[in-house]
Amino acid sequence: MRENFTSGSIPFRKAYLQSLIDVIEVDDTHIRIKGSKDVLERAVLPAGARPFRVRR
């Protein structure tokens, strides 16, 4: 997957990012990229890995 993301076709890379990102907000001083933390966590953790939970 890493190889596809770094050297794959542009349509593949765009589709992959669009599956992770809900919205990008840009103003004069900030750029905010918003999306589901659960979706991002599943995308970056290896299959079968247990997610890390933080108590607040």
N, C-alpha and C. Protein backbone atom coordinates (compact mmCIF):
# COMPACT_ATOMS: atom_id res chain seq x y z
N MET A 1 0.82 -1.19 0.00
CA MET A 1 0.00 0.00 0.00
C MET A 1 0.87 1.26 0.00
N ARG A 2 1.94 1.23 0.80
CA ARG A 2 2.82 2.40 0.85
C ARG A 2 3.40 2.71 -0.53
N GLU A 3 3.79 1.67 -1.25
CA GLU A 3 4.35 1.88 -2.59
C GLU A 3 3.31 2.47 -3.53
N ASN A 4 2.07 1.96 -3.46
CA ASN A 4 0.99 2.52 -4.29
C ASN A 4 0.75 3.98 -3.97
N PHE A 5 0.85 4.32 -2.69
CA PHE A 5 0.58 5.70 -2.31
C PHE A 5 1.71 6.64 -2.74
N THR A 6 2.94 6.18 -2.70
CA THR A 6 4.05 7.06 -3.05
C THR A 6 4.34 7.09 -4.55
N SER A 7 4.08 5.99 -5.25
CA SER A 7 4.43 5.98 -6.67
C SER A 7 3.28 5.50 -7.57
N GLY A 8 2.10 5.33 -7.00
CA GLY A 8 0.96 4.87 -7.79
C GLY A 8 0.38 5.97 -8.64
N SER A 9 -0.69 5.64 -9.32
CA SER A 9 -1.32 6.62 -10.19
C SER A 9 -1.96 7.74 -9.37
N ILE A 10 -2.05 8.90 -9.98
CA ILE A 10 -2.63 10.05 -9.30
C ILE A 10 -4.10 9.80 -8.95
N PRO A 11 -4.91 9.20 -9.83
CA PRO A 11 -6.30 8.92 -9.44
C PRO A 11 -6.39 8.01 -8.20
N PHE A 12 -5.50 7.02 -8.09
CA PHE A 12 -5.50 6.17 -6.90
C PHE A 12 -5.20 6.98 -5.66
N ARG A 13 -4.16 7.81 -5.71
CA ARG A 13 -3.77 8.60 -4.54
C ARG A 13 -4.87 9.57 -4.14
N LYS A 14 -5.50 10.21 -5.10
CA LYS A 14 -6.59 11.14 -4.79
C LYS A 14 -7.76 10.41 -4.15
N ALA A 15 -8.13 9.26 -4.69
CA ALA A 15 -9.25 8.49 -4.14
C ALA A 15 -8.95 8.03 -2.72
N TYR A 16 -7.72 7.62 -2.46
CA TYR A 16 -7.34 7.17 -1.13
C TYR A 16 -7.44 8.32 -0.13
N LEU A 17 -6.90 9.47 -0.47
CA LEU A 17 -6.99 10.62 0.42
C LEU A 17 -8.44 11.06 0.63
N GLN A 18 -9.24 11.02 -0.41
CA GLN A 18 -10.65 11.41 -0.28
C GLN A 18 -11.41 10.45 0.62
N SER A 19 -10.95 9.21 0.71
CA SER A 19 -11.62 8.26 1.61
C SER A 19 -11.30 8.54 3.08
N LEU A 20 -10.21 9.27 3.35
CA LEU A 20 -9.80 9.58 4.71
C LEU A 20 -10.21 10.98 5.16
N ILE A 21 -10.30 11.91 4.24
CA ILE A 21 -10.51 13.31 4.57
C ILE A 21 -11.95 13.71 4.24
N ASP A 22 -12.60 14.35 5.22
CA ASP A 22 -13.97 14.83 5.00
C ASP A 22 -13.97 16.23 4.38
N VAL A 23 -13.15 17.13 4.93
CA VAL A 23 -13.15 18.51 4.46
C VAL A 23 -11.80 19.15 4.75
N ILE A 24 -11.41 20.09 3.90
CA ILE A 24 -10.22 20.90 4.12
C ILE A 24 -10.67 22.35 4.17
N GLU A 25 -10.37 23.02 5.29
CA GLU A 25 -10.74 24.43 5.46
C GLU A 25 -9.47 25.27 5.41
N VAL A 26 -9.50 26.33 4.63
CA VAL A 26 -8.34 27.21 4.48
C VAL A 26 -8.79 28.64 4.77
N ASP A 27 -8.04 29.32 5.66
CA ASP A 27 -8.26 30.75 5.84
C ASP A 27 -6.92 31.46 5.74
N ASP A 28 -6.85 32.71 6.14
CA ASP A 28 -5.63 33.49 5.97
C ASP A 28 -4.44 32.97 6.76
N THR A 29 -4.69 32.31 7.90
CA THR A 29 -3.58 31.90 8.76
C THR A 29 -3.54 30.41 9.07
N HIS A 30 -4.58 29.65 8.76
CA HIS A 30 -4.63 28.24 9.13
C HIS A 30 -5.16 27.37 8.00
N ILE A 31 -4.73 26.14 8.02
CA ILE A 31 -5.30 25.09 7.17
C ILE A 31 -5.74 23.97 8.10
N ARG A 32 -7.02 23.57 8.02
CA ARG A 32 -7.54 22.50 8.86
C ARG A 32 -8.00 21.35 7.96
N ILE A 33 -7.50 20.18 8.27
CA ILE A 33 -7.90 18.97 7.55
C ILE A 33 -8.73 18.15 8.52
N LYS A 34 -9.99 17.89 8.16
CA LYS A 34 -10.90 17.21 9.08
C LYS A 34 -11.34 15.87 8.50
N GLY A 35 -11.45 14.91 9.40
CA GLY A 35 -11.92 13.59 9.01
C GLY A 35 -12.12 12.75 10.26
N SER A 36 -12.63 11.57 10.09
CA SER A 36 -12.91 10.67 11.20
C SER A 36 -11.60 10.11 11.75
N LYS A 37 -11.41 10.23 13.05
CA LYS A 37 -10.21 9.66 13.67
C LYS A 37 -10.23 8.14 13.60
N ASP A 38 -11.42 7.53 13.69
CA ASP A 38 -11.53 6.08 13.60
C ASP A 38 -11.11 5.58 12.22
N VAL A 39 -11.52 6.27 11.18
CA VAL A 39 -11.15 5.87 9.81
C VAL A 39 -9.64 6.01 9.63
N LEU A 40 -9.07 7.11 10.10
CA LEU A 40 -7.62 7.31 9.99
C LEU A 40 -6.87 6.24 10.77
N GLU A 41 -7.35 5.92 11.96
CA GLU A 41 -6.69 4.90 12.79
C GLU A 41 -6.68 3.55 12.09
N ARG A 42 -7.80 3.17 11.49
CA ARG A 42 -7.86 1.89 10.77
C ARG A 42 -6.93 1.89 9.55
N ALA A 43 -6.74 3.06 8.94
CA ALA A 43 -5.89 3.14 7.75
C ALA A 43 -4.41 3.00 8.10
N VAL A 44 -4.00 3.46 9.28
CA VAL A 44 -2.57 3.45 9.59
C VAL A 44 -2.13 2.27 10.44
N LEU A 45 -3.04 1.64 11.18
CA LEU A 45 -2.66 0.50 12.01
C LEU A 45 -2.60 -0.77 11.18
N PRO A 46 -1.65 -1.64 11.46
CA PRO A 46 -1.62 -2.93 10.76
C PRO A 46 -2.87 -3.76 11.09
N ALA A 47 -3.24 -4.63 10.19
CA ALA A 47 -4.41 -5.49 10.41
C ALA A 47 -4.25 -6.28 11.70
N GLY A 48 -5.28 -6.28 12.52
CA GLY A 48 -5.26 -7.04 13.76
C GLY A 48 -4.64 -6.32 14.93
N ALA A 49 -4.07 -5.14 14.71
CA ALA A 49 -3.46 -4.39 15.81
C ALA A 49 -4.55 -3.78 16.67
N ARG A 50 -4.27 -3.69 17.96
CA ARG A 50 -5.23 -3.09 18.89
C ARG A 50 -5.01 -1.59 18.93
N PRO A 51 -6.07 -0.81 18.83
CA PRO A 51 -5.93 0.65 18.88
C PRO A 51 -5.51 1.12 20.25
N PHE A 52 -4.79 2.22 20.30
CA PHE A 52 -4.34 2.84 21.52
C PHE A 52 -5.40 3.81 21.99
N ARG A 53 -5.89 3.64 23.20
CA ARG A 53 -6.92 4.53 23.75
C ARG A 53 -6.35 5.39 24.86
N VAL A 54 -6.73 6.64 24.88
CA VAL A 54 -6.26 7.58 25.90
C VAL A 54 -7.43 7.91 26.81
N ARG A 55 -7.22 7.80 28.12
CA ARG A 55 -8.26 8.19 29.07
C ARG A 55 -8.17 9.68 29.32
N ARG A 56 -9.33 10.30 29.41
CA ARG A 56 -9.36 11.75 29.68
C ARG A 56 -10.00 12.02 30.99
